[in-house]
Amino acid sequence: MTAADPAGPVNPVVPAAAHVLVVDDEVPLTEVVAGYLRREGFAVSAVHDGPSAVAAARDTEPDLVVLDLMLPGFDGFEVCRQLRRFTDAYVLMLTARDDEVDKVVGLSVGADDYLVKPFSPRELVARVHALLRRPRTTRSSAGTAGDAGTRLGDLVVDVEARTVSVDGRPVELTRTEFDLLAAMVSRPRAALSRQQLIEAVWGGQWFGDEHVVDVHIGHLRRKLGDDADVPRYIRTIRGVGYGMVVPA
């Protein structure tokens, strides 16, 4: 974390009762991060190992988890896997290296964003604000869904109920995966660029590279049982981005 940061608030507007759980084994760093978040108006709790992180998330039901990758007990990857069994809280993963493998694995197990150490506390706070302010797709934006949701072949997406099924079988998605799918379903015939999907799902204040879209699309395809080479649901538009497969 960098030291030269002004103490003023990044953004004084905080979602009501937003609670952030900070998980890092470096106690001084945790205290600094928690202090910045509290000055922004967040309720903050902190723990320092993997098992405590999972227990705290169950007990406190945070809106967002700031999760370090390297933890005693078990690492951030395993924490994230376990969190996704019972919560759709946003996960901002911290990595000690600018390592593409860490980023890809972190996003694949359900993280929503990542930040590389050392980082500016103000950047971390800005990322937290950006995640919590992410736009939510509404039923009206999903086109002519009808009471049963939007159907594309065997895929049914109900934006209001936030449910997805394939061949009548329910599919469990993370919050980010669902929002990404809903953004594409809302314009099923459109070829959406990665930047358009980032703006729809992560919001205009999101910081990072477009690679995050590819990782979540890959994870989404696996859960839907889709094949990128012979797609049933999600098509890749070379040089552009992604879109839905619309049955003839």
Protein backbone atom coordinates (compact mmCIF):
# COMPACT_ATOMS: atom_id res chain seq x y z
CA MET A 1 0.00 0.00 0.00
CA THR A 2 1.34 3.44 -0.83
CA ALA A 3 1.77 6.01 1.91
CA ALA A 4 1.12 9.32 0.16
CA ASP A 5 -2.66 9.55 0.24
CA PRO A 6 -4.74 12.52 1.29
CA ALA A 7 -7.07 11.82 4.18
CA GLY A 8 -10.20 13.33 2.65
CA PRO A 9 -13.11 11.11 1.68
CA VAL A 10 -13.16 9.55 -1.78
CA ASN A 11 -16.93 9.65 -2.02
CA PRO A 12 -19.21 10.75 0.81
CA VAL A 13 -22.26 8.86 -0.54
CA VAL A 14 -22.40 5.33 0.87
CA PRO A 15 -25.17 2.76 0.36
CA ALA A 16 -27.32 2.54 3.48
CA ALA A 17 -25.93 0.13 6.10
CA ALA A 18 -23.16 -1.09 3.75
CA HIS A 19 -20.92 -3.50 5.66
CA VAL A 20 -17.41 -4.43 4.54
CA LEU A 21 -15.48 -7.41 5.88
CA VAL A 22 -11.69 -6.98 5.56
CA VAL A 23 -9.64 -10.19 5.56
CA ASP A 24 -5.84 -9.90 5.68
CA ASP A 25 -3.18 -11.48 7.89
CA GLU A 26 -1.20 -8.22 7.99
CA VAL A 27 -2.82 -6.61 11.03
CA PRO A 28 -1.37 -3.08 10.51
CA LEU A 29 -2.54 -3.07 6.89
CA THR A 30 -5.98 -4.30 7.93
CA GLU A 31 -6.27 -1.48 10.46
CA VAL A 32 -5.31 1.16 7.88
CA VAL A 33 -7.78 -0.18 5.31
CA ALA A 34 -10.53 -0.43 7.92
CA GLY A 35 -9.82 3.16 9.02
CA TYR A 36 -10.17 4.51 5.49
CA LEU A 37 -13.40 2.59 4.95
CA ARG A 38 -14.89 3.78 8.24
CA ARG A 39 -14.09 7.39 7.32
CA GLU A 40 -16.13 6.78 4.17
CA GLY A 41 -19.11 5.77 6.31
CA PHE A 42 -18.92 1.99 5.99
CA ALA A 43 -19.47 -0.43 8.83
CA VAL A 44 -16.29 -2.52 8.95
CA SER A 45 -15.22 -5.75 10.61
CA ALA A 46 -11.87 -7.49 10.20
CA VAL A 47 -10.38 -10.97 10.57
CA HIS A 48 -6.96 -12.38 9.77
CA ASP A 49 -7.24 -15.99 8.55
CA GLY A 50 -9.27 -18.13 6.18
CA PRO A 51 -11.54 -20.04 8.60
CA SER A 52 -12.35 -16.84 10.51
CA ALA A 53 -13.24 -15.13 7.23
CA VAL A 54 -15.85 -17.76 6.36
CA ALA A 55 -17.27 -17.75 9.89
CA ALA A 56 -17.44 -13.95 9.99
CA ALA A 57 -19.18 -13.80 6.61
CA ARG A 58 -21.83 -16.23 7.88
CA ASP A 59 -22.33 -14.26 11.09
CA THR A 60 -22.27 -10.69 9.78
CA GLU A 61 -23.60 -11.07 6.19
CA PRO A 62 -21.35 -8.37 4.67
CA ASP A 63 -22.20 -6.51 1.49
CA LEU A 64 -18.59 -6.74 0.32
CA VAL A 65 -15.47 -8.68 1.32
CA VAL A 66 -11.95 -7.31 0.84
CA LEU A 67 -10.06 -10.60 0.67
CA ASP A 68 -6.30 -11.13 0.68
CA LEU A 69 -5.05 -14.07 -1.35
CA MET A 70 -2.37 -15.29 1.07
CA LEU A 71 -3.95 -16.25 4.41
CA PRO A 72 -3.23 -18.71 7.21
CA GLY A 73 -5.62 -21.63 7.65
CA PHE A 74 -6.57 -21.70 3.98
CA ASP A 75 -6.00 -19.19 1.23
CA GLY A 76 -8.24 -16.57 -0.35
CA PHE A 77 -9.16 -18.88 -3.23
CA GLU A 78 -10.67 -21.40 -0.82
CA VAL A 79 -12.35 -18.63 1.19
CA CYS A 80 -13.96 -17.36 -2.00
CA ARG A 81 -15.13 -20.84 -3.00
CA GLN A 82 -16.77 -21.32 0.39
CA LEU A 83 -18.32 -17.84 0.40
CA ARG A 84 -20.02 -18.55 -2.90
CA ARG A 85 -21.89 -21.46 -1.31
CA PHE A 86 -23.94 -19.12 0.89
CA THR A 87 -23.45 -15.45 -0.05
CA ASP A 88 -23.42 -13.25 -3.14
CA ALA A 89 -21.50 -10.48 -1.38
CA TYR A 90 -19.07 -8.70 -3.67
CA VAL A 91 -15.49 -9.95 -3.31
CA LEU A 92 -12.54 -7.65 -3.97
CA MET A 93 -9.47 -9.89 -3.98
CA LEU A 94 -6.01 -8.60 -3.04
CA THR A 95 -2.96 -10.20 -4.66
CA ALA A 96 0.68 -9.65 -3.70
CA ARG A 97 1.90 -9.98 -7.29
CA ASP A 98 0.70 -8.68 -10.62
CA ASP A 99 0.27 -12.32 -11.64
CA GLU A 100 -2.22 -13.12 -14.38
CA VAL A 101 -2.75 -16.65 -13.01
CA ASP A 102 -3.77 -15.31 -9.60
CA LYS A 103 -6.24 -12.92 -11.23
CA VAL A 104 -7.79 -15.56 -13.47
CA VAL A 105 -8.13 -18.14 -10.68
CA GLY A 106 -9.50 -15.53 -8.28
CA LEU A 107 -12.16 -14.42 -10.74
CA SER A 108 -12.95 -18.02 -11.65
CA VAL A 109 -13.78 -18.95 -8.04
CA GLY A 110 -16.19 -16.03 -7.72
CA ALA A 111 -14.24 -12.84 -7.03
CA ASP A 112 -15.74 -9.72 -8.63
CA ASP A 113 -12.60 -7.62 -8.90
CA TYR A 114 -8.93 -7.68 -7.91
CA LEU A 115 -6.35 -5.19 -6.69
CA VAL A 116 -2.58 -5.71 -6.71
CA LYS A 117 -0.41 -4.84 -3.70
CA PRO A 118 1.00 -2.31 -3.04
CA PHE A 119 -2.08 -0.20 -3.58
CA SER A 120 -3.36 3.21 -2.63
CA PRO A 121 -6.02 3.15 0.11
CA ARG A 122 -7.95 5.69 -1.90
CA GLU A 123 -7.97 3.34 -4.90
CA LEU A 124 -9.24 0.51 -2.72
CA VAL A 125 -12.03 2.72 -1.36
CA ALA A 126 -12.89 3.79 -4.91
CA ARG A 127 -13.09 0.14 -5.99
CA VAL A 128 -15.40 -0.62 -3.05
CA HIS A 129 -17.67 2.27 -4.00
CA ALA A 130 -17.67 1.18 -7.64
CA LEU A 131 -18.67 -2.39 -6.79
CA LEU A 132 -21.44 -1.36 -4.39
CA ARG A 133 -22.81 1.12 -6.92
CA ARG A 134 -22.92 -1.34 -9.77
CA PRO A 135 -26.14 -0.96 -11.72
CA ARG A 136 -28.69 -3.68 -11.33
CA THR A 137 -30.51 -4.97 -14.38
CA THR A 138 -34.26 -4.51 -13.95
CA ARG A 139 -37.06 -6.57 -15.37
CA SER A 140 -38.05 -3.77 -17.75
CA SER A 141 -34.56 -3.72 -19.26
CA ALA A 142 -34.73 -7.42 -20.05
CA GLY A 143 -37.03 -6.95 -23.02
CA THR A 144 -40.26 -8.89 -23.43
CA ALA A 145 -39.58 -11.38 -20.72
CA GLY A 146 -43.11 -12.25 -19.72
CA ASP A 147 -44.00 -13.92 -16.43
CA ALA A 148 -41.73 -16.91 -17.08
CA GLY A 149 -38.65 -14.83 -17.88
CA THR A 150 -36.70 -14.50 -21.11
CA ARG A 151 -36.34 -17.76 -23.04
CA LEU A 152 -33.59 -18.39 -25.59
CA GLY A 153 -33.89 -22.02 -26.63
CA ASP A 154 -33.42 -24.14 -23.51
CA LEU A 155 -32.08 -21.19 -21.51
CA VAL A 156 -34.53 -19.22 -19.33
CA VAL A 157 -33.43 -16.07 -17.49
CA ASP A 158 -35.83 -14.41 -15.04
CA VAL A 159 -34.29 -11.05 -14.22
CA GLU A 160 -36.80 -10.11 -11.54
CA ALA A 161 -36.43 -13.39 -9.65
CA ARG A 162 -32.70 -13.56 -10.53
CA THR A 163 -33.00 -17.20 -11.57
CA VAL A 164 -31.54 -19.12 -14.49
CA SER A 165 -32.40 -22.56 -15.80
CA VAL A 166 -31.14 -24.77 -18.63
CA ASP A 167 -33.37 -27.59 -19.89
CA GLY A 168 -35.53 -26.99 -16.82
CA ARG A 169 -32.55 -27.42 -14.48
CA PRO A 170 -31.72 -24.49 -12.17
CA VAL A 171 -28.23 -23.03 -12.59
CA GLU A 172 -26.50 -21.32 -9.65
CA LEU A 173 -24.61 -18.19 -10.69
CA THR A 174 -22.66 -15.61 -8.76
CA ARG A 175 -24.03 -12.07 -8.70
CA THR A 176 -21.52 -10.95 -11.32
CA GLU A 177 -22.21 -13.92 -13.59
CA PHE A 178 -25.96 -13.29 -13.43
CA ASP A 179 -25.58 -9.56 -14.12
CA LEU A 180 -23.34 -10.31 -17.11
CA LEU A 181 -25.84 -12.80 -18.53
CA ALA A 182 -28.76 -10.42 -17.89
CA ALA A 183 -26.95 -7.62 -19.71
CA MET A 184 -26.57 -9.81 -22.79
CA VAL A 185 -30.11 -11.20 -22.57
CA SER A 186 -31.49 -7.65 -22.44
CA ARG A 187 -30.15 -7.16 -26.00
CA PRO A 188 -30.03 -10.73 -27.33
CA ARG A 189 -29.33 -9.85 -30.97
CA ALA A 190 -26.64 -7.26 -30.19
CA ALA A 191 -22.88 -7.73 -30.45
CA LEU A 192 -21.76 -6.17 -27.16
CA SER A 193 -18.18 -5.03 -26.71
CA ARG A 194 -16.27 -5.82 -23.56
CA GLN A 195 -16.42 -2.14 -22.65
CA GLN A 196 -20.21 -2.10 -23.05
CA LEU A 197 -20.49 -5.13 -20.79
CA ILE A 198 -18.17 -3.55 -18.23
CA GLU A 199 -20.30 -0.40 -18.18
CA ALA A 200 -23.50 -2.44 -17.85
CA VAL A 201 -22.23 -4.76 -15.11
CA TRP A 202 -19.37 -3.03 -13.29
CA GLY A 203 -20.42 0.57 -13.94
CA GLY A 204 -18.60 3.56 -15.36
CA GLN A 205 -16.34 3.96 -12.32
CA TRP A 206 -14.81 0.49 -12.65
CA PHE A 207 -10.99 0.36 -12.71
CA GLY A 208 -9.15 -2.45 -14.44
CA ASP A 209 -8.65 -4.23 -17.73
CA GLU A 210 -11.20 -5.83 -20.03
CA HIS A 211 -9.79 -9.31 -19.33
CA VAL A 212 -12.23 -9.58 -16.41
CA VAL A 213 -15.10 -10.00 -18.91
CA ASP A 214 -13.43 -12.97 -20.65
CA VAL A 215 -12.83 -14.77 -17.35
CA HIS A 216 -16.43 -14.40 -16.18
CA ILE A 217 -17.78 -15.40 -19.62
CA GLY A 218 -15.68 -18.57 -19.46
CA HIS A 219 -17.00 -19.40 -16.01
CA LEU A 220 -20.56 -18.61 -17.10
CA ARG A 221 -20.25 -20.91 -20.11
CA ARG A 222 -19.06 -23.79 -17.95
CA LYS A 223 -22.02 -23.43 -15.61
CA LEU A 224 -24.47 -23.28 -18.52
CA GLY A 225 -22.86 -26.31 -20.16
CA ASP A 226 -22.01 -24.20 -23.20
CA ASP A 227 -19.20 -24.79 -25.68
CA ALA A 228 -17.35 -21.77 -27.08
CA ASP A 229 -16.59 -23.68 -30.30
CA VAL A 230 -20.21 -24.78 -30.85
CA PRO A 231 -22.19 -22.30 -28.73
CA ARG A 232 -25.80 -22.90 -27.71
CA TYR A 233 -26.19 -19.73 -25.65
CA ILE A 234 -23.22 -17.32 -25.69
CA ARG A 235 -21.44 -16.47 -28.92
CA THR A 236 -18.04 -14.83 -29.29
CA ILE A 237 -17.89 -11.98 -31.79
CA ARG A 238 -14.27 -11.76 -32.87
CA GLY A 239 -12.74 -8.33 -32.48
CA VAL A 240 -15.83 -7.08 -30.64
CA GLY A 241 -17.00 -9.07 -27.62
CA TYR A 242 -19.96 -11.29 -26.90
CA GLY A 243 -23.66 -11.80 -27.54
CA MET A 244 -26.42 -14.35 -27.22
CA VAL A 245 -27.29 -17.14 -29.63
CA VAL A 246 -30.84 -16.40 -30.79
CA PRO A 247 -32.76 -19.47 -32.01
CA ALA A 248 -34.10 -19.20 -35.54
